[in-house]
Amino acid sequence: QVQLVESGGGLVQAGGSLRLSCATSVRIFSLNAMGWYRQAPGKQRELVAVITSGGSTNYADSVKGRFTISRDNAKNTMYLQMNSLKPEDTAVYYCNARRIGTDSWGQGTQVTVSS
């Protein structure tokens, strides 16, 4: 099981920015992919962005052009830079790591965007 620790959530006004971090307990190279998911109250968890071991990225249509997923291999940490935040981005954001078909999840970090 991969241990994941998220940080960086908080309260921000619409149009503002936040950067989420996800520190892993293993070397990122050992993971097939990492991603960020979010879950708003009363809604299902949804994929926000993913980055594969090869560095390919993919984003939900709702965040394209505003969010950027990246990783620092030396620090074994993944990031989500969120710009131009909207109230509809309000959710608990979860870090995910996939290794040989097994998913690991962080505890989640709250992001609240006020209008």
PDB file of N, CA and C in Angstrom:
ATOM      1  N   GLN A   1       0.847  -1.190   0.000  1.00  0.00           N
ATOM      2  CA  GLN A   1       0.000   0.000   0.000  1.00  0.00           C
ATOM      3  C   GLN A   1       0.886   1.245   0.000  1.00  0.00           C
ATOM      4  N   VAL A   2       0.564   2.163  -0.897  1.00  0.00           N
ATOM      5  CA  VAL A   2       1.295   3.416  -0.986  1.00  0.00           C
ATOM      6  C   VAL A   2       0.650   4.435  -0.058  1.00  0.00           C
ATOM      7  N   GLN A   3       1.452   5.071   0.767  1.00  0.00           N
ATOM      8  CA  GLN A   3       0.940   6.132   1.642  1.00  0.00           C
ATOM      9  C   GLN A   3       1.020   7.459   0.903  1.00  0.00           C
ATOM     10  N   LEU A   4      -0.079   8.212   0.956  1.00  0.00           N
ATOM     11  CA  LEU A   4      -0.170   9.495   0.271  1.00  0.00           C
ATOM     12  C   LEU A   4      -0.622  10.558   1.265  1.00  0.00           C
ATOM     13  N   VAL A   5       0.046  11.695   1.253  1.00  0.00           N
ATOM     14  CA  VAL A   5      -0.310  12.789   2.154  1.00  0.00           C
ATOM     15  C   VAL A   5      -0.499  14.060   1.334  1.00  0.00           C
ATOM     16  N   GLU A   6      -1.730  14.576   1.353  1.00  0.00           N
ATOM     17  CA  GLU A   6      -2.036  15.792   0.606  1.00  0.00           C
ATOM     18  C   GLU A   6      -1.893  17.013   1.496  1.00  0.00           C
ATOM     19  N   SER A   7      -1.657  18.141   0.864  1.00  0.00           N
ATOM     20  CA  SER A   7      -1.631  19.424   1.557  1.00  0.00           C
ATOM     21  C   SER A   7      -1.898  20.525   0.542  1.00  0.00           C
ATOM     22  N   GLY A   8      -2.212  21.706   1.061  1.00  0.00           N
ATOM     23  CA  GLY A   8      -2.350  22.867   0.188  1.00  0.00           C
ATOM     24  C   GLY A   8      -3.767  23.349  -0.038  1.00  0.00           C
ATOM     25  N   GLY A   9      -4.750  22.656   0.489  1.00  0.00           N
ATOM     26  CA  GLY A   9      -6.113  23.128   0.319  1.00  0.00           C
ATOM     27  C   GLY A   9      -6.375  24.365   1.150  1.00  0.00           C
ATOM     28  N   GLY A  10      -7.566  24.938   0.959  1.00  0.00           N
ATOM     29  CA  GLY A  10      -7.931  26.114   1.734  1.00  0.00           C
ATOM     30  C   GLY A  10      -9.083  26.862   1.109  1.00  0.00           C
ATOM     31  N   LEU A  11      -9.265  28.077   1.601  1.00  0.00           N
ATOM     32  CA  LEU A  11     -10.337  28.956   1.131  1.00  0.00           C
ATOM     33  C   LEU A  11      -9.731  30.042   0.250  1.00  0.00           C
ATOM     34  N   VAL A  12     -10.310  30.239  -0.912  1.00  0.00           N
ATOM     35  CA  VAL A  12      -9.805  31.238  -1.842  1.00  0.00           C
ATOM     36  C   VAL A  12     -10.981  31.889  -2.560  1.00  0.00           C
ATOM     37  N   GLN A  13     -10.818  33.118  -2.972  1.00  0.00           N
ATOM     38  CA  GLN A  13     -11.860  33.803  -3.722  1.00  0.00           C
ATOM     39  C   GLN A  13     -11.831  33.355  -5.187  1.00  0.00           C
ATOM     40  N   ALA A  14     -12.964  33.486  -5.827  1.00  0.00           N
ATOM     41  CA  ALA A  14     -13.041  33.162  -7.246  1.00  0.00           C
ATOM     42  C   ALA A  14     -11.994  33.962  -8.024  1.00  0.00           C
ATOM     43  N   GLY A  15     -11.340  33.271  -8.954  1.00  0.00           N
ATOM     44  CA  GLY A  15     -10.268  33.885  -9.716  1.00  0.00           C
ATOM     45  C   GLY A  15      -8.888  33.684  -9.113  1.00  0.00           C
ATOM     46  N   GLY A  16      -8.853  33.191  -7.896  1.00  0.00           N
ATOM     47  CA  GLY A  16      -7.584  32.978  -7.217  1.00  0.00           C
ATOM     48  C   GLY A  16      -6.925  31.666  -7.582  1.00  0.00           C
ATOM     49  N   SER A  17      -5.821  31.377  -6.893  1.00  0.00           N
ATOM     50  CA  SER A  17      -5.026  30.185  -7.186  1.00  0.00           C
ATOM     51  C   SER A  17      -4.682  29.438  -5.907  1.00  0.00           C
ATOM     52  N   LEU A  18      -4.495  28.138  -6.066  1.00  0.00           N
ATOM     53  CA  LEU A  18      -4.003  27.276  -5.000  1.00  0.00           C
ATOM     54  C   LEU A  18      -3.111  26.218  -5.625  1.00  0.00           C
ATOM     55  N   ARG A  19      -2.175  25.702  -4.839  1.00  0.00           N
ATOM     56  CA  ARG A  19      -1.379  24.570  -5.293  1.00  0.00           C
ATOM     57  C   ARG A  19      -1.491  23.442  -4.280  1.00  0.00           C
ATOM     58  N   LEU A  20      -1.949  22.312  -4.764  1.00  0.00           N
ATOM     59  CA  LEU A  20      -2.039  21.121  -3.926  1.00  0.00           C
ATOM     60  C   LEU A  20      -0.785  20.277  -4.093  1.00  0.00           C
ATOM     61  N   SER A  21      -0.381  19.636  -3.019  1.00  0.00           N
ATOM     62  CA  SER A  21       0.758  18.733  -3.048  1.00  0.00           C
ATOM     63  C   SER A  21       0.342  17.359  -2.555  1.00  0.00           C
ATOM     64  N   CYS A  22       0.992  16.332  -3.082  1.00  0.00           N
ATOM     65  CA  CYS A  22       0.744  14.954  -2.651  1.00  0.00           C
ATOM     66  C   CYS A  22       2.092  14.254  -2.524  1.00  0.00           C
ATOM     67  N   ALA A  23       2.494  13.988  -1.309  1.00  0.00           N
ATOM     68  CA  ALA A  23       3.757  13.307  -1.060  1.00  0.00           C
ATOM     69  C   ALA A  23       3.520  11.805  -0.958  1.00  0.00           C
ATOM     70  N   THR A  24       4.374  11.036  -1.620  1.00  0.00           N
ATOM     71  CA  THR A  24       4.213   9.585  -1.629  1.00  0.00           C
ATOM     72  C   THR A  24       5.274   8.912  -0.756  1.00  0.00           C
ATOM     73  N   SER A  25       4.963   7.695  -0.322  1.00  0.00           N
ATOM     74  CA  SER A  25       5.889   6.939   0.525  1.00  0.00           C
ATOM     75  C   SER A  25       6.819   6.065  -0.305  1.00  0.00           C
ATOM     76  N   VAL A  26       6.635   6.074  -1.622  1.00  0.00           N
ATOM     77  CA  VAL A  26       7.466   5.270  -2.508  1.00  0.00           C
ATOM     78  C   VAL A  26       8.020   6.168  -3.610  1.00  0.00           C
ATOM     79  N   ARG A  27       8.980   5.642  -4.334  1.00  0.00           N
ATOM     80  CA  ARG A  27       9.510   6.395  -5.452  1.00  0.00           C
ATOM     81  C   ARG A  27       8.445   6.498  -6.544  1.00  0.00           C
ATOM     82  N   ILE A  28       8.275   7.721  -7.052  1.00  0.00           N
ATOM     83  CA  ILE A  28       7.239   7.941  -8.069  1.00  0.00           C
ATOM     84  C   ILE A  28       7.472   7.053  -9.280  1.00  0.00           C
ATOM     85  N   PHE A  29       8.719   6.735  -9.579  1.00  0.00           N
ATOM     86  CA  PHE A  29       9.031   5.891 -10.743  1.00  0.00           C
ATOM     87  C   PHE A  29       8.358   4.525 -10.646  1.00  0.00           C
ATOM     88  N   SER A  30       8.067   4.079  -9.418  1.00  0.00           N
ATOM     89  CA  SER A  30       7.469   2.761  -9.239  1.00  0.00           C
ATOM     90  C   SER A  30       5.965   2.750  -9.491  1.00  0.00           C
ATOM     91  N   LEU A  31       5.386   3.936  -9.701  1.00  0.00           N
ATOM     92  CA  LEU A  31       3.936   4.045  -9.881  1.00  0.00           C
ATOM     93  C   LEU A  31       3.586   4.107 -11.367  1.00  0.00           C
ATOM     94  N   ASN A  32       2.500   3.448 -11.735  1.00  0.00           N
ATOM     95  CA  ASN A  32       2.055   3.492 -13.124  1.00  0.00           C
ATOM     96  C   ASN A  32       1.467   4.856 -13.470  1.00  0.00           C
ATOM     97  N   ALA A  33       0.772   5.438 -12.521  1.00  0.00           N
ATOM     98  CA  ALA A  33       0.152   6.744 -12.742  1.00  0.00           C
ATOM     99  C   ALA A  33      -0.225   7.349 -11.407  1.00  0.00           C
ATOM    100  N   MET A  34      -0.360   8.658 -11.406  1.00  0.00           N
ATOM    101  CA  MET A  34      -0.891   9.375 -10.245  1.00  0.00           C
ATOM    102  C   MET A  34      -1.929  10.363 -10.748  1.00  0.00           C
ATOM    103  N   GLY A  35      -2.859  10.681  -9.881  1.00  0.00           N
ATOM    104  CA  GLY A  35      -3.893  11.603 -10.313  1.00  0.00           C
ATOM    105  C   GLY A  35      -4.547  12.332  -9.167  1.00  0.00           C
ATOM    106  N   TRP A  36      -5.324  13.311  -9.524  1.00  0.00           N
ATOM    107  CA  TRP A  36      -6.143  14.067  -8.579  1.00  0.00           C
ATOM    108  C   TRP A  36      -7.607  13.842  -8.927  1.00  0.00           C
ATOM    109  N   TYR A  37      -8.376  13.566  -7.907  1.00  0.00           N
ATOM    110  CA  TYR A  37      -9.816  13.432  -8.020  1.00  0.00           C
ATOM    111  C   TYR A  37     -10.455  14.423  -7.070  1.00  0.00           C
ATOM    112  N   ARG A  38     -11.723  14.703  -7.283  1.00  0.00           N
ATOM    113  CA  ARG A  38     -12.435  15.575  -6.357  1.00  0.00           C
ATOM    114  C   ARG A  38     -13.863  15.091  -6.180  1.00  0.00           C
ATOM    115  N   GLN A  39     -14.409  15.440  -5.018  1.00  0.00           N
ATOM    116  CA  GLN A  39     -15.784  15.067  -4.714  1.00  0.00           C
ATOM    117  C   GLN A  39     -16.471  16.230  -4.030  1.00  0.00           C
ATOM    118  N   ALA A  40     -17.480  16.751  -4.695  1.00  0.00           N
ATOM    119  CA  ALA A  40     -18.285  17.837  -4.136  1.00  0.00           C
ATOM    120  C   ALA A  40     -19.449  17.229  -3.359  1.00  0.00           C
ATOM    121  N   PRO A  41     -20.025  17.980  -2.426  1.00  0.00           N
ATOM    122  CA  PRO A  41     -21.147  17.457  -1.641  1.00  0.00           C
ATOM    123  C   PRO A  41     -22.285  16.977  -2.535  1.00  0.00           C
ATOM    124  N   GLY A  42     -22.741  15.758  -2.294  1.00  0.00           N
ATOM    125  CA  GLY A  42     -23.852  15.213  -3.052  1.00  0.00           C
ATOM    126  C   GLY A  42     -23.512  14.730  -4.438  1.00  0.00           C
ATOM    127  N   LYS A  43     -22.224  14.737  -4.778  1.00  0.00           N
ATOM    128  CA  LYS A  43     -21.816  14.312  -6.116  1.00  0.00           C
ATOM    129  C   LYS A  43     -20.830  13.159  -6.032  1.00  0.00           C
ATOM    130  N   GLN A  44     -20.675  12.457  -7.149  1.00  0.00           N
ATOM    131  CA  GLN A  44     -19.715  11.372  -7.199  1.00  0.00           C
ATOM    132  C   GLN A  44     -18.299  11.920  -7.345  1.00  0.00           C
ATOM    133  N   ARG A  45     -17.335  11.110  -6.907  1.00  0.00           N
ATOM    134  CA  ARG A  45     -15.943  11.479  -7.095  1.00  0.00           C
ATOM    135  C   ARG A  45     -15.627  11.482  -8.588  1.00  0.00           C
ATOM    136  N   GLU A  46     -14.897  12.506  -9.026  1.00  0.00           N
ATOM    137  CA  GLU A  46     -14.582  12.616 -10.440  1.00  0.00           C
ATOM    138  C   GLU A  46     -13.091  12.859 -10.646  1.00  0.00           C
ATOM    139  N   LEU A  47     -12.601  12.408 -11.794  1.00  0.00           N
ATOM    140  CA  LEU A  47     -11.208  12.621 -12.139  1.00  0.00           C
ATOM    141  C   LEU A  47     -10.987  14.078 -12.511  1.00  0.00           C
ATOM    142  N   VAL A  48      -9.916  14.656 -11.985  1.00  0.00           N
ATOM    143  CA  VAL A  48      -9.546  16.020 -12.321  1.00  0.00           C
ATOM    144  C   VAL A  48      -8.377  16.015 -13.304  1.00  0.00           C
ATOM    145  N   ALA A  49      -7.321  15.281 -12.955  1.00  0.00           N
ATOM    146  CA  ALA A  49      -6.134  15.244 -13.803  1.00  0.00           C
ATOM    147  C   ALA A  49      -5.333  14.001 -13.460  1.00  0.00           C
ATOM    148  N   VAL A  50      -4.588  13.507 -14.451  1.00  0.00           N
ATOM    149  CA  VAL A  50      -3.760  12.331 -14.247  1.00  0.00           C
ATOM    150  C   VAL A  50      -2.429  12.532 -14.955  1.00  0.00           C
ATOM    151  N   ILE A  51      -1.377  11.955 -14.372  1.00  0.00           N
ATOM    152  CA  ILE A  51      -0.063  11.962 -14.999  1.00  0.00           C
ATOM    153  C   ILE A  51       0.489  10.543 -14.925  1.00  0.00           C
ATOM    154  N   THR A  52       0.949  10.042 -16.073  1.00  0.00           N
ATOM    155  CA  THR A  52       1.444   8.671 -16.114  1.00  0.00           C
ATOM    156  C   THR A  52       2.928   8.618 -15.788  1.00  0.00           C
ATOM    157  N   SER A  53       3.439   7.405 -15.666  1.00  0.00           N
ATOM    158  CA  SER A  53       4.857   7.240 -15.375  1.00  0.00           C
ATOM    159  C   SER A  53       5.715   7.812 -16.492  1.00  0.00           C
ATOM    160  N   GLY A  54       5.167   7.857 -17.701  1.00  0.00           N
ATOM    161  CA  GLY A  54       5.903   8.414 -18.821  1.00  0.00           C
ATOM    162  C   GLY A  54       5.788   9.924 -18.948  1.00  0.00           C
ATOM    163  N   GLY A  55       4.981  10.514 -18.075  1.00  0.00           N
ATOM    164  CA  GLY A  55       4.851  11.966 -18.070  1.00  0.00           C
ATOM    165  C   GLY A  55       3.657  12.494 -18.856  1.00  0.00           C
ATOM    166  N   SER A  56       2.881  11.606 -19.464  1.00  0.00           N
ATOM    167  CA  SER A  56       1.693  12.062 -20.188  1.00  0.00           C
ATOM    168  C   SER A  56       0.647  12.555 -19.190  1.00  0.00           C
ATOM    169  N   THR A  57      -0.092  13.578 -19.595  1.00  0.00           N
ATOM    170  CA  THR A  57      -1.108  14.159 -18.719  1.00  0.00           C
ATOM    171  C   THR A  57      -2.466  14.170 -19.413  1.00  0.00           C
ATOM    172  N   ASN A  58      -3.499  14.171 -18.590  1.00  0.00           N
ATOM    173  CA  ASN A  58      -4.851  14.262 -19.114  1.00  0.00           C
ATOM    174  C   ASN A  58      -5.687  15.008 -18.087  1.00  0.00           C
ATOM    175  N   TYR A  59      -6.634  15.798 -18.587  1.00  0.00           N
ATOM    176  CA  TYR A  59      -7.427  16.650 -17.711  1.00  0.00           C
ATOM    177  C   TYR A  59      -8.914  16.508 -18.001  1.00  0.00           C
ATOM    178  N   ALA A  60      -9.707  16.722 -16.968  1.00  0.00           N
ATOM    179  CA  ALA A  60     -11.136  16.844 -17.176  1.00  0.00           C
ATOM    180  C   ALA A  60     -11.399  18.111 -17.985  1.00  0.00           C
ATOM    181  N   ASP A  61     -12.413  18.071 -18.823  1.00  0.00           N
ATOM    182  CA  ASP A  61     -12.711  19.235 -19.662  1.00  0.00           C
ATOM    183  C   ASP A  61     -12.954  20.480 -18.825  1.00  0.00           C
ATOM    184  N   SER A  62     -13.526  20.314 -17.658  1.00  0.00           N
ATOM    185  CA  SER A  62     -13.895  21.455 -16.818  1.00  0.00           C
ATOM    186  C   SER A  62     -12.692  22.203 -16.256  1.00  0.00           C
ATOM    187  N   VAL A  63     -11.503  21.591 -16.279  1.00  0.00           N
ATOM    188  CA  VAL A  63     -10.330  22.246 -15.697  1.00  0.00           C
ATOM    189  C   VAL A  63      -9.238  22.522 -16.720  1.00  0.00           C
ATOM    190  N   LYS A  64      -9.427  22.089 -17.955  1.00  0.00           N
ATOM    191  CA  LYS A  64      -8.403  22.301 -18.985  1.00  0.00           C
ATOM    192  C   LYS A  64      -8.106  23.779 -19.150  1.00  0.00           C
ATOM    193  N   GLY A  65      -6.820  24.091 -19.214  1.00  0.00           N
ATOM    194  CA  GLY A  65      -6.404  25.466 -19.366  1.00  0.00           C
ATOM    195  C   GLY A  65      -6.305  26.237 -18.063  1.00  0.00           C
ATOM    196  N   ARG A  66      -6.818  25.655 -16.974  1.00  0.00           N
ATOM    197  CA  ARG A  66      -6.753  26.332 -15.661  1.00  0.00           C
ATOM    198  C   ARG A  66      -5.890  25.559 -14.659  1.00  0.00           C
ATOM    199  N   PHE A  67      -5.913  24.259 -14.742  1.00  0.00           N
ATOM    200  CA  PHE A  67      -5.175  23.412 -13.793  1.00  0.00           C
ATOM    201  C   PHE A  67      -3.986  22.771 -14.503  1.00  0.00           C
ATOM    202  N   THR A  68      -2.913  22.552 -13.750  1.00  0.00           N
ATOM    203  CA  THR A  68      -1.738  21.876 -14.280  1.00  0.00           C
ATOM    204  C   THR A  68      -1.252  20.837 -13.282  1.00  0.00           C
ATOM    205  N   ILE A  69      -1.128  19.605 -13.734  1.00  0.00           N
ATOM    206  CA  ILE A  69      -0.602  18.527 -12.896  1.00  0.00           C
ATOM    207  C   ILE A  69       0.877  18.352 -13.215  1.00  0.00           C
ATOM    208  N   SER A  70       1.661  18.123 -12.179  1.00  0.00           N
ATOM    209  CA  SER A  70       3.095  17.939 -12.383  1.00  0.00           C
ATOM    210  C   SER A  70       3.645  17.076 -11.250  1.00  0.00           C
ATOM    211  N   ARG A  71       4.909  16.733 -11.361  1.00  0.00           N
ATOM    212  CA  ARG A  71       5.523  15.931 -10.302  1.00  0.00           C
ATOM    213  C   ARG A  71       6.996  16.297 -10.185  1.00  0.00           C
ATOM    214  N   ASP A  72       7.520  16.081  -9.003  1.00  0.00           N
ATOM    215  CA  ASP A  72       8.936  16.266  -8.733  1.00  0.00           C
ATOM    216  C   ASP A  72       9.476  14.898  -8.321  1.00  0.00           C
ATOM    217  N   ASN A  73      10.181  14.251  -9.227  1.00  0.00           N
ATOM    218  CA  ASN A  73      10.637  12.888  -8.963  1.00  0.00           C
ATOM    219  C   ASN A  73      11.605  12.830  -7.783  1.00  0.00           C
ATOM    220  N   ALA A  74      12.421  13.850  -7.650  1.00  0.00           N
ATOM    221  CA  ALA A  74      13.409  13.862  -6.563  1.00  0.00           C
ATOM    222  C   ALA A  74      12.732  13.952  -5.195  1.00  0.00           C
ATOM    223  N   LYS A  75      11.594  14.611  -5.144  1.00  0.00           N
ATOM    224  CA  LYS A  75      10.880  14.779  -3.879  1.00  0.00           C
ATOM    225  C   LYS A  75       9.746  13.769  -3.716  1.00  0.00           C
ATOM    226  N   ASN A  76       9.546  12.932  -4.750  1.00  0.00           N
ATOM    227  CA  ASN A  76       8.440  11.968  -4.715  1.00  0.00           C
ATOM    228  C   ASN A  76       7.123  12.667  -4.376  1.00  0.00           C
ATOM    229  N   THR A  77       6.880  13.752  -5.047  1.00  0.00           N
ATOM    230  CA  THR A  77       5.707  14.577  -4.772  1.00  0.00           C
ATOM    231  C   THR A  77       5.028  14.973  -6.072  1.00  0.00           C
ATOM    232  N   MET A  78       3.719  14.932  -6.052  1.00  0.00           N
ATOM    233  CA  MET A  78       2.913  15.371  -7.190  1.00  0.00           C
ATOM    234  C   MET A  78       2.205  16.660  -6.797  1.00  0.00           C
ATOM    235  N   TYR A  79       1.940  17.495  -7.799  1.00  0.00           N
ATOM    236  CA  TYR A  79       1.312  18.788  -7.551  1.00  0.00           C
ATOM    237  C   TYR A  79       0.099  18.992  -8.463  1.00  0.00           C
ATOM    238  N   LEU A  80      -0.769  19.874  -8.013  1.00  0.00           N
ATOM    239  CA  LEU A  80      -1.857  20.352  -8.858  1.00  0.00           C
ATOM    240  C   LEU A  80      -1.922  21.863  -8.682  1.00  0.00           C
ATOM    241  N   GLN A  81      -1.488  22.578  -9.697  1.00  0.00           N
ATOM    242  CA  GLN A  81      -1.586  24.031  -9.699  1.00  0.00           C
ATOM    243  C   GLN A  81      -2.952  24.410 -10.241  1.00  0.00           C
ATOM    244  N   MET A  82      -3.711  25.116  -9.441  1.00  0.00           N
ATOM    245  CA  MET A  82      -5.072  25.481  -9.820  1.00  0.00           C
ATOM    246  C   MET A  82      -5.169  26.993  -9.923  1.00  0.00           C
ATOM    247  N   ASN A  83      -5.435  27.482 -11.113  1.00  0.00           N
ATOM    248  CA  ASN A  83      -5.576  28.912 -11.375  1.00  0.00           C
ATOM    249  C   ASN A  83      -7.003  29.223 -11.811  1.00  0.00           C
ATOM    250  N   SER A  84      -7.346  30.486 -11.760  1.00  0.00           N
ATOM    251  CA  SER A  84      -8.685  30.942 -12.191  1.00  0.00           C
ATOM    252  C   SER A  84      -9.778  30.089 -11.561  1.00  0.00           C
ATOM    253  N   LEU A  85      -9.677  29.901 -10.267  1.00  0.00           N
ATOM    254  CA  LEU A  85     -10.626  29.031  -9.577  1.00  0.00           C
ATOM    255  C   LEU A  85     -12.035  29.582  -9.609  1.00  0.00           C
ATOM    256  N   LYS A  86     -12.973  28.645  -9.684  1.00  0.00           N
ATOM    257  CA  LYS A  86     -14.389  28.990  -9.742  1.00  0.00           C
ATOM    258  C   LYS A  86     -15.105  28.361  -8.545  1.00  0.00           C
ATOM    259  N   PRO A  87     -16.249  28.907  -8.150  1.00  0.00           N
ATOM    260  CA  PRO A  87     -16.994  28.291  -7.039  1.00  0.00           C
ATOM    261  C   PRO A  87     -17.308  26.820  -7.296  1.00  0.00           C
ATOM    262  N   GLU A  88     -17.517  26.442  -8.531  1.00  0.00           N
ATOM    263  CA  GLU A  88     -17.822  25.041  -8.838  1.00  0.00           C
ATOM    264  C   GLU A  88     -16.618  24.113  -8.683  1.00  0.00           C
ATOM    265  N   ASP A  89     -15.453  24.674  -8.426  1.00  0.00           N
ATOM    266  CA  ASP A  89     -14.279  23.843  -8.122  1.00  0.00           C
ATOM    267  C   ASP A  89     -14.255  23.425  -6.648  1.00  0.00           C
ATOM    268  N   THR A  90     -15.169  23.948  -5.867  1.00  0.00           N
ATOM    269  CA  THR A  90     -15.232  23.608  -4.451  1.00  0.00           C
ATOM    270  C   THR A  90     -15.492  22.110  -4.275  1.00  0.00           C
ATOM    271  N   ALA A  91     -14.611  21.452  -3.522  1.00  0.00           N
ATOM    272  CA  ALA A  91     -14.716  20.004  -3.330  1.00  0.00           C
ATOM    273  C   ALA A  91     -13.602  19.546  -2.399  1.00  0.00           C
ATOM    274  N   VAL A  92     -13.688  18.292  -2.002  1.00  0.00           N
ATOM    275  CA  VAL A  92     -12.546  17.650  -1.359  1.00  0.00           C
ATOM    276  C   VAL A  92     -11.723  17.014  -2.472  1.00  0.00           C
ATOM    277  N   TYR A  93     -10.442  17.332  -2.483  1.00  0.00           N
ATOM    278  CA  TYR A  93      -9.541  16.836  -3.516  1.00  0.00           C
ATOM    279  C   TYR A  93      -8.715  15.680  -2.952  1.00  0.00           C
ATOM    280  N   TYR A  94      -8.672  14.591  -3.711  1.00  0.00           N
ATOM    281  CA  TYR A  94      -7.982  13.381  -3.284  1.00  0.00           C
ATOM    282  C   TYR A  94      -6.846  13.059  -4.240  1.00  0.00           C
ATOM    283  N   CYS A  95      -5.747  12.659  -3.677  1.00  0.00           N
ATOM    284  CA  CYS A  95      -4.609  12.168  -4.438  1.00  0.00           C
ATOM    285  C   CYS A  95      -4.771  10.664  -4.633  1.00  0.00           C
ATOM    286  N   ASN A  96      -4.422  10.192  -5.807  1.00  0.00           N
ATOM    287  CA  ASN A  96      -4.522   8.771  -6.136  1.00  0.00           C
ATOM    288  C   ASN A  96      -3.213   8.299  -6.742  1.00  0.00           C
ATOM    289  N   ALA A  97      -2.830   7.078  -6.377  1.00  0.00           N
ATOM    290  CA  ALA A  97      -1.650   6.452  -6.974  1.00  0.00           C
ATOM    291  C   ALA A  97      -2.024   5.052  -7.419  1.00  0.00           C
ATOM    292  N   ARG A  98      -1.602   4.697  -8.594  1.00  0.00           N
ATOM    293  CA  ARG A  98      -1.909   3.372  -9.138  1.00  0.00           C
ATOM    294  C   ARG A  98      -0.604   2.616  -9.394  1.00  0.00           C
ATOM    295  N   ARG A  99      -0.564   1.385  -8.868  1.00  0.00           N
ATOM    296  CA  ARG A  99       0.614   0.553  -9.079  1.00  0.00           C
ATOM    297  C   ARG A  99       0.155  -0.874  -9.278  1.00  0.00           C
ATOM    298  N   ILE A 100       0.422  -1.394 -10.437  1.00  0.00           N
ATOM    299  CA  ILE A 100       0.085  -2.772 -10.813  1.00  0.00           C
ATOM    300  C   ILE A 100      -1.371  -3.072 -10.457  1.00  0.00           C
ATOM    301  N   GLY A 101      -2.266  -2.176 -10.887  1.00  0.00           N
ATOM    302  CA  GLY A 101      -3.686  -2.401 -10.709  1.00  0.00           C
ATOM    303  C   GLY A 101      -4.238  -2.114  -9.338  1.00  0.00           C
ATOM    304  N   THR A 102      -3.404  -1.660  -8.427  1.00  0.00           N
ATOM    305  CA  THR A 102      -3.862  -1.343  -7.073  1.00  0.00           C
ATOM    306  C   THR A 102      -3.902   0.166  -6.879  1.00  0.00           C
ATOM    307  N   ASP A 103      -5.017   0.641  -6.373  1.00  0.00           N
ATOM    308  CA  ASP A 103      -5.196   2.064  -6.134  1.00  0.00           C
ATOM    309  C   ASP A 103      -4.979   2.399  -4.663  1.00  0.00           C
ATOM    310  N   SER A 104      -4.273   3.493  -4.430  1.00  0.00           N
ATOM    311  CA  SER A 104      -4.107   4.034  -3.085  1.00  0.00           C
ATOM    312  C   SER A 104      -4.629   5.460  -3.083  1.00  0.00           C
ATOM    313  N   TRP A 105      -5.170   5.877  -1.924  1.00  0.00           N
ATOM    314  CA  TRP A 105      -5.792   7.190  -1.826  1.00  0.00           C
ATOM    315  C   TRP A 105      -5.257   7.958  -0.622  1.00  0.00           C
ATOM    316  N   GLY A 106      -5.180   9.270  -0.804  1.00  0.00           N
ATOM    317  CA  GLY A 106      -4.867  10.131   0.316  1.00  0.00           C
ATOM    318  C   GLY A 106      -6.120  10.422   1.124  1.00  0.00           C
ATOM    319  N   GLN A 107      -5.948  11.197   2.184  1.00  0.00           N
ATOM    320  CA  GLN A 107      -7.056  11.479   3.092  1.00  0.00           C
ATOM    321  C   GLN A 107      -7.958  12.587   2.574  1.00  0.00           C
ATOM    322  N   GLY A 108      -7.507  13.327   1.593  1.00  0.00           N
ATOM    323  CA  GLY A 108      -8.294  14.408   1.015  1.00  0.00           C
ATOM    324  C   GLY A 108      -7.964  15.753   1.631  1.00  0.00           C
ATOM    325  N   THR A 109      -8.106  16.788   0.832  1.00  0.00           N
ATOM    326  CA  THR A 109      -7.901  18.155   1.298  1.00  0.00           C
ATOM    327  C   THR A 109      -9.017  19.031   0.735  1.00  0.00           C
ATOM    328  N   GLN A 110      -9.577  19.859   1.602  1.00  0.00           N
ATOM    329  CA  GLN A 110     -10.735  20.666   1.210  1.00  0.00           C
ATOM    330  C   GLN A 110     -10.280  21.905   0.444  1.00  0.00           C
ATOM    331  N   VAL A 111     -10.938  22.145  -0.676  1.00  0.00           N
ATOM    332  CA  VAL A 111     -10.756  23.375  -1.446  1.00  0.00           C
ATOM    333  C   VAL A 111     -12.114  24.064  -1.509  1.00  0.00           C
ATOM    334  N   THR A 112     -12.159  25.303  -1.044  1.00  0.00           N
ATOM    335  CA  THR A 112     -13.398  26.067  -1.061  1.00  0.00           C
ATOM    336  C   THR A 112     -13.159  27.372  -1.805  1.00  0.00           C
ATOM    337  N   VAL A 113     -13.969  27.618  -2.830  1.00  0.00           N
ATOM    338  CA  VAL A 113     -13.841  28.826  -3.639  1.00  0.00           C
ATOM    339  C   VAL A 113     -15.083  29.669  -3.418  1.00  0.00           C
ATOM    340  N   SER A 114     -14.891  30.870  -2.891  1.00  0.00           N
ATOM    341  CA  SER A 114     -16.015  31.751  -2.621  1.00  0.00           C
ATOM    342  C   SER A 114     -16.259  32.681  -3.806  1.00  0.00           C
ATOM    343  N   SER A 115     -17.517  33.027  -3.990  1.00  0.00           N
ATOM    344  CA  SER A 115     -17.866  33.896  -5.130  1.00  0.00           C
ATOM    345  C   SER A 115     -17.821  35.361  -4.749  1.00  0.00           C
TER     346      SER A 115
END
